[in-house]
């Protein structure tokens, strides 16, 4: 097999000059500013998209979690985050459900233990999760033993718990047909100084 001479490609000098000019413009301060402006405009268009519609007024979207032997739920619009605490410092002499303080994102967060009787009246298992709740800003952390799913419940299906049970605590809004205790942020300790929305 005889090898022939490699075929020479013609150089398109006009295209090469155009590409060099474009690269030079992109490398210039004005070109960089233009590229950054385009990126920011693209991001602004993405952020300007309408958010998902909120649940219907008669529906409650709840984050559910386990506290001791009970399943609790709190409206998702009041939840700022969920995390595993490194340490919870007890507050001696604090009245239940106030349990202690923990660090979250550089700030101290009040921790509430919602078990009947607080931590003293409950089993020895320590909560492994904190649900951060509030209105306009994080106000308190709810101690939890497990985090479950988001569920939707109709407001009319949340019935008032019997006063004779420990479930009749002041911060419980009601109970669903699925035995989820629906908590009311407005009634939790630490929320009195916030403006309701």
N, C-alpha and C. Protein backbone atom coordinates (compact mmCIF):
# COMPACT_ATOMS: atom_id res chain seq x y z
N UNK A 1 0.85 -1.18 0.00
CA UNK A 1 0.00 0.00 0.00
C UNK A 1 0.89 1.23 0.00
N UNK A 2 0.69 2.11 -0.94
CA UNK A 2 1.51 3.31 -1.09
C UNK A 2 0.80 4.47 -0.44
N UNK A 3 1.55 5.11 0.41
CA UNK A 3 0.96 6.26 1.09
C UNK A 3 1.15 7.48 0.22
N UNK A 4 0.09 8.22 0.07
CA UNK A 4 0.17 9.46 -0.69
C UNK A 4 0.49 10.62 0.24
N UNK A 5 0.70 11.73 -0.35
CA UNK A 5 0.96 12.91 0.46
C UNK A 5 -0.30 13.29 1.21
N UNK A 6 -0.13 13.75 2.47
CA UNK A 6 -1.33 14.16 3.20
C UNK A 6 -1.98 15.34 2.51
N UNK A 7 -3.29 15.31 2.51
CA UNK A 7 -4.04 16.37 1.84
C UNK A 7 -3.98 17.64 2.69
N UNK A 8 -3.60 18.72 2.09
CA UNK A 8 -3.49 19.99 2.80
C UNK A 8 -4.84 20.68 2.82
N UNK A 9 -5.22 21.07 4.02
CA UNK A 9 -6.48 21.80 4.14
C UNK A 9 -6.20 23.27 3.94
N UNK A 10 -7.13 23.92 3.35
CA UNK A 10 -6.99 25.36 3.15
C UNK A 10 -7.35 26.07 4.45
N UNK A 11 -6.61 27.06 4.78
CA UNK A 11 -6.87 27.84 5.98
C UNK A 11 -7.83 28.96 5.63
N UNK A 12 -8.90 29.03 6.40
CA UNK A 12 -9.88 30.11 6.22
C UNK A 12 -9.43 31.26 7.10
N UNK A 13 -8.63 32.15 6.54
CA UNK A 13 -8.03 33.24 7.30
C UNK A 13 -9.10 34.19 7.85
N UNK A 14 -10.15 34.41 7.13
CA UNK A 14 -11.21 35.32 7.59
C UNK A 14 -11.88 34.76 8.86
N UNK A 15 -12.16 33.45 8.84
CA UNK A 15 -12.79 32.81 10.02
C UNK A 15 -11.83 32.83 11.20
N UNK A 16 -10.55 32.59 10.95
CA UNK A 16 -9.55 32.60 12.01
C UNK A 16 -9.45 33.99 12.64
N UNK A 17 -9.44 35.04 11.81
CA UNK A 17 -9.39 36.41 12.33
C UNK A 17 -10.64 36.73 13.16
N UNK A 18 -11.80 36.27 12.65
CA UNK A 18 -13.05 36.53 13.38
C UNK A 18 -13.01 35.88 14.76
N UNK A 19 -12.52 34.65 14.86
CA UNK A 19 -12.45 33.94 16.13
C UNK A 19 -11.44 34.58 17.08
N UNK A 20 -10.32 35.04 16.54
CA UNK A 20 -9.33 35.73 17.37
C UNK A 20 -9.88 37.05 17.91
N UNK A 21 -10.60 37.78 17.05
CA UNK A 21 -11.21 39.04 17.50
C UNK A 21 -12.23 38.79 18.61
N UNK A 22 -13.05 37.73 18.44
CA UNK A 22 -14.06 37.40 19.46
C UNK A 22 -13.40 37.02 20.78
N UNK A 23 -12.31 36.24 20.71
CA UNK A 23 -11.60 35.85 21.92
C UNK A 23 -10.99 37.07 22.60
N UNK A 24 -10.46 37.99 21.81
CA UNK A 24 -9.89 39.21 22.37
C UNK A 24 -10.93 40.06 23.06
N UNK A 25 -12.12 40.16 22.46
CA UNK A 25 -13.20 40.94 23.06
C UNK A 25 -13.66 40.31 24.37
N UNK A 26 -13.76 38.97 24.39
CA UNK A 26 -14.20 38.28 25.60
C UNK A 26 -13.18 38.44 26.72
N UNK A 27 -11.88 38.53 26.37
CA UNK A 27 -10.84 38.68 27.38
C UNK A 27 -10.70 40.12 27.87
N UNK A 28 -11.25 41.07 27.14
CA UNK A 28 -11.15 42.47 27.55
C UNK A 28 -12.08 42.74 28.73
N UNK A 29 -11.81 43.78 29.53
CA UNK A 29 -12.71 44.09 30.66
C UNK A 29 -14.15 44.31 30.22
N UNK A 30 -14.34 44.97 29.08
CA UNK A 30 -15.70 45.21 28.60
C UNK A 30 -16.37 43.90 28.22
N UNK A 31 -15.59 42.98 27.60
CA UNK A 31 -16.15 41.68 27.22
C UNK A 31 -16.52 40.85 28.42
N UNK A 32 -15.66 40.90 29.46
CA UNK A 32 -15.97 40.16 30.68
C UNK A 32 -17.22 40.71 31.36
N UNK A 33 -17.34 42.03 31.36
CA UNK A 33 -18.51 42.64 31.97
C UNK A 33 -19.78 42.25 31.22
N UNK A 34 -19.69 42.20 29.89
CA UNK A 34 -20.85 41.81 29.07
C UNK A 34 -21.23 40.35 29.35
N UNK A 35 -20.22 39.47 29.43
CA UNK A 35 -20.49 38.06 29.70
C UNK A 35 -21.13 37.90 31.08
N UNK A 36 -20.61 38.64 32.07
CA UNK A 36 -21.18 38.57 33.43
C UNK A 36 -22.61 39.08 33.43
N UNK A 37 -22.88 40.14 32.68
CA UNK A 37 -24.24 40.69 32.61
C UNK A 37 -25.20 39.67 32.01
N UNK A 38 -24.76 38.96 30.97
CA UNK A 38 -25.61 37.94 30.35
C UNK A 38 -25.92 36.82 31.34
N UNK A 39 -24.90 36.40 32.11
CA UNK A 39 -25.13 35.34 33.10
C UNK A 39 -26.13 35.81 34.16
N UNK A 40 -25.95 37.05 34.64
CA UNK A 40 -26.86 37.58 35.66
C UNK A 40 -28.28 37.73 35.13
N UNK A 41 -28.41 38.16 33.89
CA UNK A 41 -29.76 38.28 33.30
C UNK A 41 -30.42 36.92 33.17
N UNK A 42 -29.64 35.90 32.79
CA UNK A 42 -30.20 34.55 32.66
C UNK A 42 -30.66 34.05 34.03
N UNK A 43 -29.85 34.30 35.07
CA UNK A 43 -30.24 33.88 36.43
C UNK A 43 -31.47 34.63 36.90
N UNK A 44 -31.53 35.93 36.58
CA UNK A 44 -32.69 36.73 36.99
C UNK A 44 -33.96 36.21 36.34
N UNK A 45 -33.87 35.80 35.08
CA UNK A 45 -35.06 35.25 34.39
C UNK A 45 -35.52 33.96 35.06
N UNK A 46 -34.54 33.12 35.48
CA UNK A 46 -34.90 31.87 36.16
C UNK A 46 -35.55 32.15 37.51
N UNK A 47 -35.00 33.12 38.25
CA UNK A 47 -35.56 33.44 39.57
C UNK A 47 -36.92 34.13 39.47
N UNK A 48 -37.18 34.78 38.34
CA UNK A 48 -38.43 35.52 38.19
C UNK A 48 -39.61 34.60 37.86
N UNK A 49 -39.33 33.33 37.62
CA UNK A 49 -40.44 32.40 37.34
C UNK A 49 -41.35 32.32 38.56
N UNK A 50 -42.64 32.25 38.36
CA UNK A 50 -43.54 32.18 39.52
C UNK A 50 -43.30 30.90 40.33
N UNK A 51 -43.36 31.04 41.63
CA UNK A 51 -43.18 29.89 42.52
C UNK A 51 -44.40 28.98 42.41
N UNK A 52 -44.22 27.76 42.90
CA UNK A 52 -45.35 26.83 42.91
C UNK A 52 -46.47 27.42 43.74
N UNK A 53 -47.70 27.26 43.30
CA UNK A 53 -48.81 27.85 44.05
C UNK A 53 -48.90 27.26 45.45
N UNK A 54 -49.25 28.10 46.45
CA UNK A 54 -49.38 27.57 47.81
C UNK A 54 -50.56 26.62 47.90
N UNK A 55 -50.56 25.75 48.91
CA UNK A 55 -51.70 24.85 49.06
C UNK A 55 -52.99 25.64 49.22
N UNK A 56 -54.08 25.02 48.86
CA UNK A 56 -55.39 25.66 49.01
C UNK A 56 -55.59 26.02 50.48
N UNK A 57 -56.36 27.10 50.75
CA UNK A 57 -56.52 27.56 52.14
C UNK A 57 -57.04 26.48 53.09
N UNK A 58 -57.79 25.53 52.58
CA UNK A 58 -58.33 24.51 53.46
C UNK A 58 -57.40 23.31 53.61
N UNK A 59 -56.19 23.38 52.99
CA UNK A 59 -55.23 22.30 53.09
C UNK A 59 -54.02 22.74 53.91
N UNK A 60 -53.51 21.82 54.72
CA UNK A 60 -52.30 22.07 55.51
C UNK A 60 -51.21 21.13 55.01
N UNK A 61 -50.07 21.69 54.62
CA UNK A 61 -48.91 20.85 54.30
C UNK A 61 -48.08 20.77 55.57
N UNK A 62 -47.90 19.55 56.06
CA UNK A 62 -47.23 19.34 57.35
C UNK A 62 -45.95 18.54 57.18
N UNK A 63 -44.89 18.98 57.87
CA UNK A 63 -43.70 18.14 58.03
C UNK A 63 -43.98 17.29 59.26
N UNK A 64 -43.90 15.98 59.12
CA UNK A 64 -44.19 15.10 60.25
C UNK A 64 -42.88 14.55 60.82
N UNK A 65 -42.88 14.37 62.13
CA UNK A 65 -41.70 13.86 62.82
C UNK A 65 -42.14 13.19 64.11
N UNK A 66 -41.27 12.32 64.64
CA UNK A 66 -41.61 11.57 65.85
C UNK A 66 -41.00 12.24 67.06
N UNK A 67 -41.82 12.41 68.09
CA UNK A 67 -41.37 12.94 69.38
C UNK A 67 -41.78 11.91 70.42
N UNK A 68 -40.81 11.19 70.96
CA UNK A 68 -41.13 10.09 71.87
C UNK A 68 -41.93 9.04 71.13
N UNK A 69 -43.15 8.78 71.62
CA UNK A 69 -44.01 7.78 70.98
C UNK A 69 -45.07 8.40 70.08
N UNK A 70 -45.04 9.70 69.91
CA UNK A 70 -46.09 10.38 69.15
C UNK A 70 -45.56 10.91 67.82
N UNK A 71 -46.45 11.00 66.85
CA UNK A 71 -46.11 11.61 65.57
C UNK A 71 -46.70 13.02 65.56
N UNK A 72 -45.82 13.99 65.36
CA UNK A 72 -46.24 15.39 65.33
C UNK A 72 -46.11 15.92 63.92
N UNK A 73 -46.82 17.01 63.65
CA UNK A 73 -46.72 17.68 62.36
C UNK A 73 -46.77 19.17 62.57
N UNK A 74 -46.01 19.90 61.75
CA UNK A 74 -46.03 21.36 61.81
C UNK A 74 -46.08 21.87 60.38
N UNK A 75 -46.80 22.98 60.17
CA UNK A 75 -46.95 23.51 58.82
C UNK A 75 -45.59 23.78 58.20
N UNK A 76 -45.40 23.33 56.96
CA UNK A 76 -44.11 23.46 56.29
C UNK A 76 -43.69 24.92 56.13
N UNK A 77 -44.65 25.83 56.04
CA UNK A 77 -44.30 27.24 55.86
C UNK A 77 -43.64 27.83 57.11
N UNK A 78 -43.70 27.11 58.23
CA UNK A 78 -43.06 27.56 59.47
C UNK A 78 -41.71 26.88 59.70
N UNK A 79 -41.31 25.98 58.80
CA UNK A 79 -40.08 25.21 58.99
C UNK A 79 -38.93 25.88 58.23
N UNK A 80 -37.84 26.17 58.95
CA UNK A 80 -36.66 26.79 58.35
C UNK A 80 -35.57 25.78 58.04
N UNK A 81 -35.62 24.63 58.67
CA UNK A 81 -34.61 23.62 58.42
C UNK A 81 -34.70 22.48 59.40
N UNK A 82 -33.94 21.43 59.13
CA UNK A 82 -33.85 20.26 59.99
C UNK A 82 -32.38 19.90 60.08
N UNK A 83 -31.89 19.64 61.27
CA UNK A 83 -30.47 19.28 61.40
C UNK A 83 -30.25 18.37 62.60
N UNK A 84 -29.08 17.73 62.61
CA UNK A 84 -28.67 16.90 63.75
C UNK A 84 -27.82 17.76 64.68
N UNK A 85 -28.23 17.94 65.92
CA UNK A 85 -27.44 18.79 66.83
C UNK A 85 -26.17 18.08 67.28
N UNK A 86 -25.11 18.85 67.42
CA UNK A 86 -23.87 18.30 67.97
C UNK A 86 -24.00 18.19 69.48
N UNK A 87 -24.59 19.21 70.08
CA UNK A 87 -24.75 19.22 71.53
C UNK A 87 -25.94 20.11 71.89
N UNK A 88 -26.71 19.67 72.89
CA UNK A 88 -27.79 20.48 73.44
C UNK A 88 -27.42 20.76 74.89
N UNK A 89 -27.31 22.03 75.24
CA UNK A 89 -26.97 22.43 76.61
C UNK A 89 -28.25 22.64 77.40
N UNK A 90 -28.50 21.83 78.44
CA UNK A 90 -29.73 21.99 79.23
C UNK A 90 -29.75 23.35 79.94
N UNK A 91 -30.96 23.86 80.15
CA UNK A 91 -31.13 25.09 80.91
C UNK A 91 -31.70 24.72 82.27
N UNK A 92 -30.87 24.70 83.30
CA UNK A 92 -31.35 24.29 84.64
C UNK A 92 -32.49 25.20 85.10
N UNK A 93 -33.52 24.58 85.64
CA UNK A 93 -34.65 25.33 86.16
C UNK A 93 -35.65 25.78 85.12
N UNK A 94 -35.40 25.49 83.85
CA UNK A 94 -36.34 25.90 82.80
C UNK A 94 -37.61 25.06 82.88
N UNK A 95 -38.74 25.71 82.63
CA UNK A 95 -40.03 25.02 82.67
C UNK A 95 -40.26 24.29 81.35
N UNK A 96 -40.77 23.03 81.39
CA UNK A 96 -41.09 22.34 80.14
C UNK A 96 -42.13 23.15 79.36
N UNK A 97 -42.05 23.17 78.05
CA UNK A 97 -41.23 22.31 77.21
C UNK A 97 -39.83 22.85 76.90
N UNK A 98 -39.42 23.97 77.51
CA UNK A 98 -38.08 24.49 77.26
C UNK A 98 -37.07 23.48 77.79
N UNK A 99 -36.14 23.07 76.92
CA UNK A 99 -35.17 22.04 77.29
C UNK A 99 -33.75 22.59 77.37
N UNK A 100 -33.34 23.36 76.36
CA UNK A 100 -31.96 23.84 76.38
C UNK A 100 -31.64 24.72 75.19
N UNK A 101 -30.35 24.85 74.92
CA UNK A 101 -29.86 25.66 73.81
C UNK A 101 -28.93 24.82 72.96
N UNK A 102 -28.91 25.12 71.66
CA UNK A 102 -27.96 24.49 70.75
C UNK A 102 -27.52 25.52 69.73
N UNK A 103 -26.42 25.23 69.06
CA UNK A 103 -25.91 26.15 68.04
C UNK A 103 -26.49 25.76 66.67
N UNK A 104 -26.90 26.77 65.93
CA UNK A 104 -27.40 26.56 64.56
C UNK A 104 -27.02 27.76 63.71
N UNK A 105 -26.21 27.53 62.68
CA UNK A 105 -25.77 28.56 61.75
C UNK A 105 -25.20 29.79 62.45
N UNK A 106 -24.39 29.53 63.47
CA UNK A 106 -23.70 30.62 64.16
C UNK A 106 -24.48 31.31 65.25
N UNK A 107 -25.73 30.90 65.48
CA UNK A 107 -26.56 31.51 66.53
C UNK A 107 -26.99 30.45 67.53
N UNK A 108 -27.42 30.92 68.70
CA UNK A 108 -28.00 30.02 69.70
C UNK A 108 -29.48 29.86 69.40
N UNK A 109 -29.95 28.63 69.51
CA UNK A 109 -31.34 28.31 69.21
C UNK A 109 -31.97 27.65 70.44
N UNK A 110 -33.12 28.16 70.85
CA UNK A 110 -33.87 27.59 71.96
C UNK A 110 -34.43 26.23 71.52
N UNK A 111 -34.20 25.19 72.33
CA UNK A 111 -34.68 23.84 72.01
C UNK A 111 -35.86 23.51 72.92
N UNK A 112 -36.96 23.04 72.29
CA UNK A 112 -38.16 22.65 73.03
C UNK A 112 -38.33 21.14 72.94
N UNK A 113 -38.62 20.52 74.07
CA UNK A 113 -38.91 19.08 74.11
C UNK A 113 -40.40 18.94 74.36
N UNK A 114 -41.14 18.49 73.35
CA UNK A 114 -42.60 18.47 73.43
C UNK A 114 -43.18 17.21 74.04
N UNK A 115 -42.35 16.32 74.55
CA UNK A 115 -42.89 15.12 75.20
C UNK A 115 -43.61 15.50 76.49
N UNK A 116 -44.67 14.79 76.85
CA UNK A 116 -45.35 15.11 78.11
C UNK A 116 -44.37 15.08 79.28
N UNK A 117 -44.32 16.17 80.03
CA UNK A 117 -43.39 16.25 81.14
C UNK A 117 -41.99 16.65 80.73
N UNK A 118 -41.79 16.90 79.42
CA UNK A 118 -40.46 17.27 78.96
C UNK A 118 -39.51 16.11 79.03
N UNK A 119 -38.22 16.40 78.98
CA UNK A 119 -37.21 15.33 78.97
C UNK A 119 -37.22 14.55 80.27
N UNK A 120 -37.55 15.20 81.40
CA UNK A 120 -37.52 14.51 82.69
C UNK A 120 -38.58 13.44 82.79
N UNK A 121 -39.73 13.67 82.13
CA UNK A 121 -40.81 12.71 82.25
C UNK A 121 -40.87 11.73 81.11
N UNK A 122 -39.81 11.66 80.28
CA UNK A 122 -39.83 10.81 79.10
C UNK A 122 -38.77 9.73 79.21
N UNK A 123 -38.74 8.91 78.20
CA UNK A 123 -37.75 7.85 78.16
C UNK A 123 -36.37 8.47 77.97
N UNK A 124 -35.33 7.69 78.20
CA UNK A 124 -33.97 8.22 78.21
C UNK A 124 -33.41 8.49 76.81
N UNK A 125 -34.11 8.07 75.75
CA UNK A 125 -33.53 8.26 74.42
C UNK A 125 -33.47 9.74 74.06
N UNK A 126 -32.28 10.17 73.70
CA UNK A 126 -32.05 11.58 73.38
C UNK A 126 -32.52 11.88 71.96
N UNK A 127 -33.07 13.06 71.75
CA UNK A 127 -33.50 13.42 70.39
C UNK A 127 -32.30 13.56 69.47
N UNK A 128 -32.42 13.03 68.26
CA UNK A 128 -31.32 13.09 67.31
C UNK A 128 -31.49 14.15 66.24
N UNK A 129 -32.63 14.84 66.24
CA UNK A 129 -32.92 15.83 65.22
C UNK A 129 -33.51 17.09 65.86
N UNK A 130 -33.31 18.21 65.18
CA UNK A 130 -33.95 19.46 65.58
C UNK A 130 -34.68 20.00 64.37
N UNK A 131 -35.96 20.33 64.54
CA UNK A 131 -36.75 20.97 63.49
C UNK A 131 -36.79 22.46 63.83
N UNK A 132 -36.20 23.29 62.97
CA UNK A 132 -36.10 24.73 63.22
C UNK A 132 -37.37 25.40 62.70
N UNK A 133 -38.07 26.11 63.59
CA UNK A 133 -39.35 26.71 63.23
C UNK A 133 -39.37 28.19 63.58
N UNK A 134 -40.28 28.90 62.95
CA UNK A 134 -40.45 30.33 63.23
C UNK A 134 -41.44 30.95 62.27
N UNK A 135 -41.59 32.26 62.38
CA UNK A 135 -42.46 32.99 61.46
C UNK A 135 -41.59 33.68 60.41
N UNK A 136 -41.09 34.87 60.76
CA UNK A 136 -40.23 35.60 59.83
C UNK A 136 -38.78 35.16 59.93
N UNK A 137 -38.40 34.57 61.06
CA UNK A 137 -37.02 34.15 61.28
C UNK A 137 -37.04 32.91 62.17
N UNK A 138 -35.94 32.15 62.21
CA UNK A 138 -35.90 30.98 63.10
C UNK A 138 -36.04 31.42 64.55
N UNK A 139 -36.95 30.79 65.28
CA UNK A 139 -37.22 31.18 66.65
C UNK A 139 -36.91 30.07 67.65
N UNK A 140 -37.18 28.83 67.28
CA UNK A 140 -36.98 27.72 68.21
C UNK A 140 -36.70 26.45 67.43
N UNK A 141 -36.16 25.48 68.15
CA UNK A 141 -35.93 24.16 67.56
C UNK A 141 -36.75 23.13 68.32
N UNK A 142 -37.45 22.29 67.59
CA UNK A 142 -38.26 21.24 68.20
C UNK A 142 -37.45 19.94 68.21
N UNK A 143 -37.20 19.39 69.38
CA UNK A 143 -36.46 18.14 69.49
C UNK A 143 -37.29 17.00 68.90
N UNK A 144 -36.66 16.18 68.06
CA UNK A 144 -37.37 15.07 67.41
C UNK A 144 -36.48 13.83 67.43
N UNK A 145 -37.13 12.67 67.45
CA UNK A 145 -36.40 11.40 67.43
C UNK A 145 -36.28 10.84 66.02
N UNK A 146 -37.15 11.26 65.12
CA UNK A 146 -37.08 10.82 63.72
C UNK A 146 -37.84 11.83 62.88
N UNK A 147 -37.40 11.99 61.64
CA UNK A 147 -38.07 12.88 60.69
C UNK A 147 -38.81 12.00 59.69
N UNK A 148 -40.08 12.29 59.48
CA UNK A 148 -40.88 11.51 58.53
C UNK A 148 -41.10 12.33 57.25
N UNK A 149 -42.25 12.18 56.64
CA UNK A 149 -42.54 12.80 55.35
C UNK A 149 -43.36 14.07 55.51
N UNK A 150 -43.52 14.75 54.36
CA UNK A 150 -44.49 15.83 54.27
C UNK A 150 -45.83 15.18 53.96
N UNK A 151 -46.86 15.61 54.66
CA UNK A 151 -48.21 15.11 54.39
C UNK A 151 -49.14 16.31 54.24
N UNK A 152 -50.26 16.09 53.58
CA UNK A 152 -51.26 17.12 53.42
C UNK A 152 -52.52 16.69 54.15
N UNK A 153 -53.08 17.61 54.91
CA UNK A 153 -54.32 17.32 55.64
C UNK A 153 -55.30 18.46 55.44
N UNK A 154 -56.57 18.14 55.40
CA UNK A 154 -57.58 19.19 55.30
C UNK A 154 -57.78 19.81 56.68
N UNK A 155 -57.84 21.14 56.70
CA UNK A 155 -57.98 21.85 57.98
C UNK A 155 -59.22 21.38 58.74
N UNK A 156 -60.29 21.08 58.01
CA UNK A 156 -61.53 20.66 58.68
C UNK A 156 -61.41 19.28 59.31
N UNK A 157 -60.41 18.49 58.88
CA UNK A 157 -60.22 17.15 59.44
C UNK A 157 -59.35 17.15 60.69
N UNK A 158 -58.79 18.31 61.04
CA UNK A 158 -57.97 18.40 62.26
C UNK A 158 -58.92 18.71 63.42
N UNK A 159 -59.12 17.71 64.27
CA UNK A 159 -60.07 17.89 65.39
C UNK A 159 -59.30 18.16 66.67
N UNK A 160 -59.97 18.85 67.57
CA UNK A 160 -59.36 19.22 68.85
C UNK A 160 -59.13 17.96 69.69
N UNK A 161 -57.92 17.82 70.29
CA UNK A 161 -57.68 16.63 71.11
C UNK A 161 -58.43 16.72 72.42
N UNK A 162 -58.78 15.58 73.01
CA UNK A 162 -59.47 15.60 74.30
C UNK A 162 -58.60 16.27 75.36
N UNK A 163 -59.21 17.11 76.17
CA UNK A 163 -58.47 17.85 77.21
C UNK A 163 -57.92 16.91 78.27
N UNK A 164 -58.53 15.75 78.44
CA UNK A 164 -58.11 14.83 79.50
C UNK A 164 -56.79 14.14 79.18
N UNK A 165 -56.38 14.13 77.90
CA UNK A 165 -55.15 13.45 77.51
C UNK A 165 -53.97 14.41 77.55
N UNK A 166 -52.74 13.85 77.64
CA UNK A 166 -51.57 14.71 77.57
C UNK A 166 -51.50 15.44 76.23
N UNK A 167 -52.23 14.92 75.24
CA UNK A 167 -52.24 15.56 73.93
C UNK A 167 -52.95 16.90 73.97
N UNK A 168 -53.66 17.19 75.07
CA UNK A 168 -54.37 18.45 75.17
C UNK A 168 -53.46 19.60 75.57
N UNK A 169 -52.16 19.48 75.34
CA UNK A 169 -51.21 20.55 75.68
C UNK A 169 -51.56 21.82 74.92
N UNK A 170 -51.15 22.93 75.48
CA UNK A 170 -51.54 24.24 74.94
C UNK A 170 -51.00 24.50 73.54
N UNK A 171 -49.89 23.87 73.15
CA UNK A 171 -49.31 24.17 71.85
C UNK A 171 -49.76 23.20 70.76
N UNK A 172 -50.72 22.33 71.07
CA UNK A 172 -51.25 21.40 70.07
C UNK A 172 -52.53 21.99 69.50
N UNK A 173 -52.54 22.16 68.18
CA UNK A 173 -53.71 22.71 67.49
C UNK A 173 -54.83 21.68 67.37
N UNK A 174 -54.42 20.45 67.09
CA UNK A 174 -55.42 19.39 66.94
C UNK A 174 -54.76 18.10 66.52
N UNK A 175 -55.59 17.12 66.17
CA UNK A 175 -55.10 15.81 65.77
C UNK A 175 -55.82 15.38 64.50
N UNK A 176 -55.08 14.80 63.56
CA UNK A 176 -55.67 14.35 62.30
C UNK A 176 -56.24 12.96 62.46
N UNK A 177 -56.97 12.52 61.45
CA UNK A 177 -57.50 11.16 61.46
C UNK A 177 -56.40 10.12 61.45
N UNK A 178 -55.20 10.51 60.98
CA UNK A 178 -54.05 9.60 60.97
C UNK A 178 -53.23 9.67 62.25
N UNK A 179 -53.79 10.27 63.31
CA UNK A 179 -53.16 10.38 64.63
C UNK A 179 -51.88 11.22 64.60
N UNK A 180 -51.87 12.26 63.77
CA UNK A 180 -50.74 13.21 63.77
C UNK A 180 -51.14 14.41 64.62
N UNK A 181 -50.34 14.72 65.64
CA UNK A 181 -50.59 15.90 66.46
C UNK A 181 -50.14 17.13 65.66
N UNK A 182 -51.06 18.00 65.33
CA UNK A 182 -50.73 19.21 64.57
C UNK A 182 -50.37 20.31 65.56
N UNK A 183 -49.12 20.78 65.48
CA UNK A 183 -48.63 21.81 66.40
C UNK A 183 -48.97 23.19 65.87
N UNK A 184 -49.16 24.11 66.78
CA UNK A 184 -49.46 25.50 66.44
C UNK A 184 -48.27 26.36 66.85
N UNK A 185 -47.54 26.88 65.85
CA UNK A 185 -46.35 27.71 66.13
C UNK A 185 -46.69 28.88 67.04
N UNK A 186 -47.86 29.48 66.83
CA UNK A 186 -48.21 30.69 67.57
C UNK A 186 -48.24 30.44 69.07
N UNK A 187 -48.47 29.19 69.48
CA UNK A 187 -48.59 28.88 70.90
C UNK A 187 -47.30 28.38 71.53
N UNK A 188 -46.26 28.19 70.73
CA UNK A 188 -45.01 27.67 71.26
C UNK A 188 -44.24 28.73 72.06
N UNK A 189 -43.53 28.33 73.11
CA UNK A 189 -42.72 29.30 73.86
C UNK A 189 -41.69 29.94 72.93
N UNK A 190 -41.47 31.23 73.11
CA UNK A 190 -40.50 31.95 72.30
C UNK A 190 -41.13 32.70 71.13
N UNK A 191 -42.41 32.45 70.85
CA UNK A 191 -43.06 33.09 69.72
C UNK A 191 -43.84 34.34 70.10
N UNK A 192 -43.96 34.59 71.40
CA UNK A 192 -44.81 35.70 71.85
C UNK A 192 -44.34 37.04 71.33
N UNK A 193 -43.01 37.22 71.16
CA UNK A 193 -42.50 38.52 70.73
C UNK A 193 -42.53 38.75 69.24
N UNK A 194 -42.93 37.75 68.46
CA UNK A 194 -42.95 37.89 67.01
C UNK A 194 -44.29 38.39 66.51
N UNK A 195 -44.27 39.02 65.38
CA UNK A 195 -45.51 39.49 64.76
C UNK A 195 -46.12 38.36 63.96
N UNK A 196 -47.36 38.04 64.17
CA UNK A 196 -48.03 36.97 63.43
C UNK A 196 -48.24 37.39 62.00
N UNK A 197 -48.13 36.36 61.09
CA UNK A 197 -48.39 36.59 59.66
C UNK A 197 -49.39 35.59 59.16
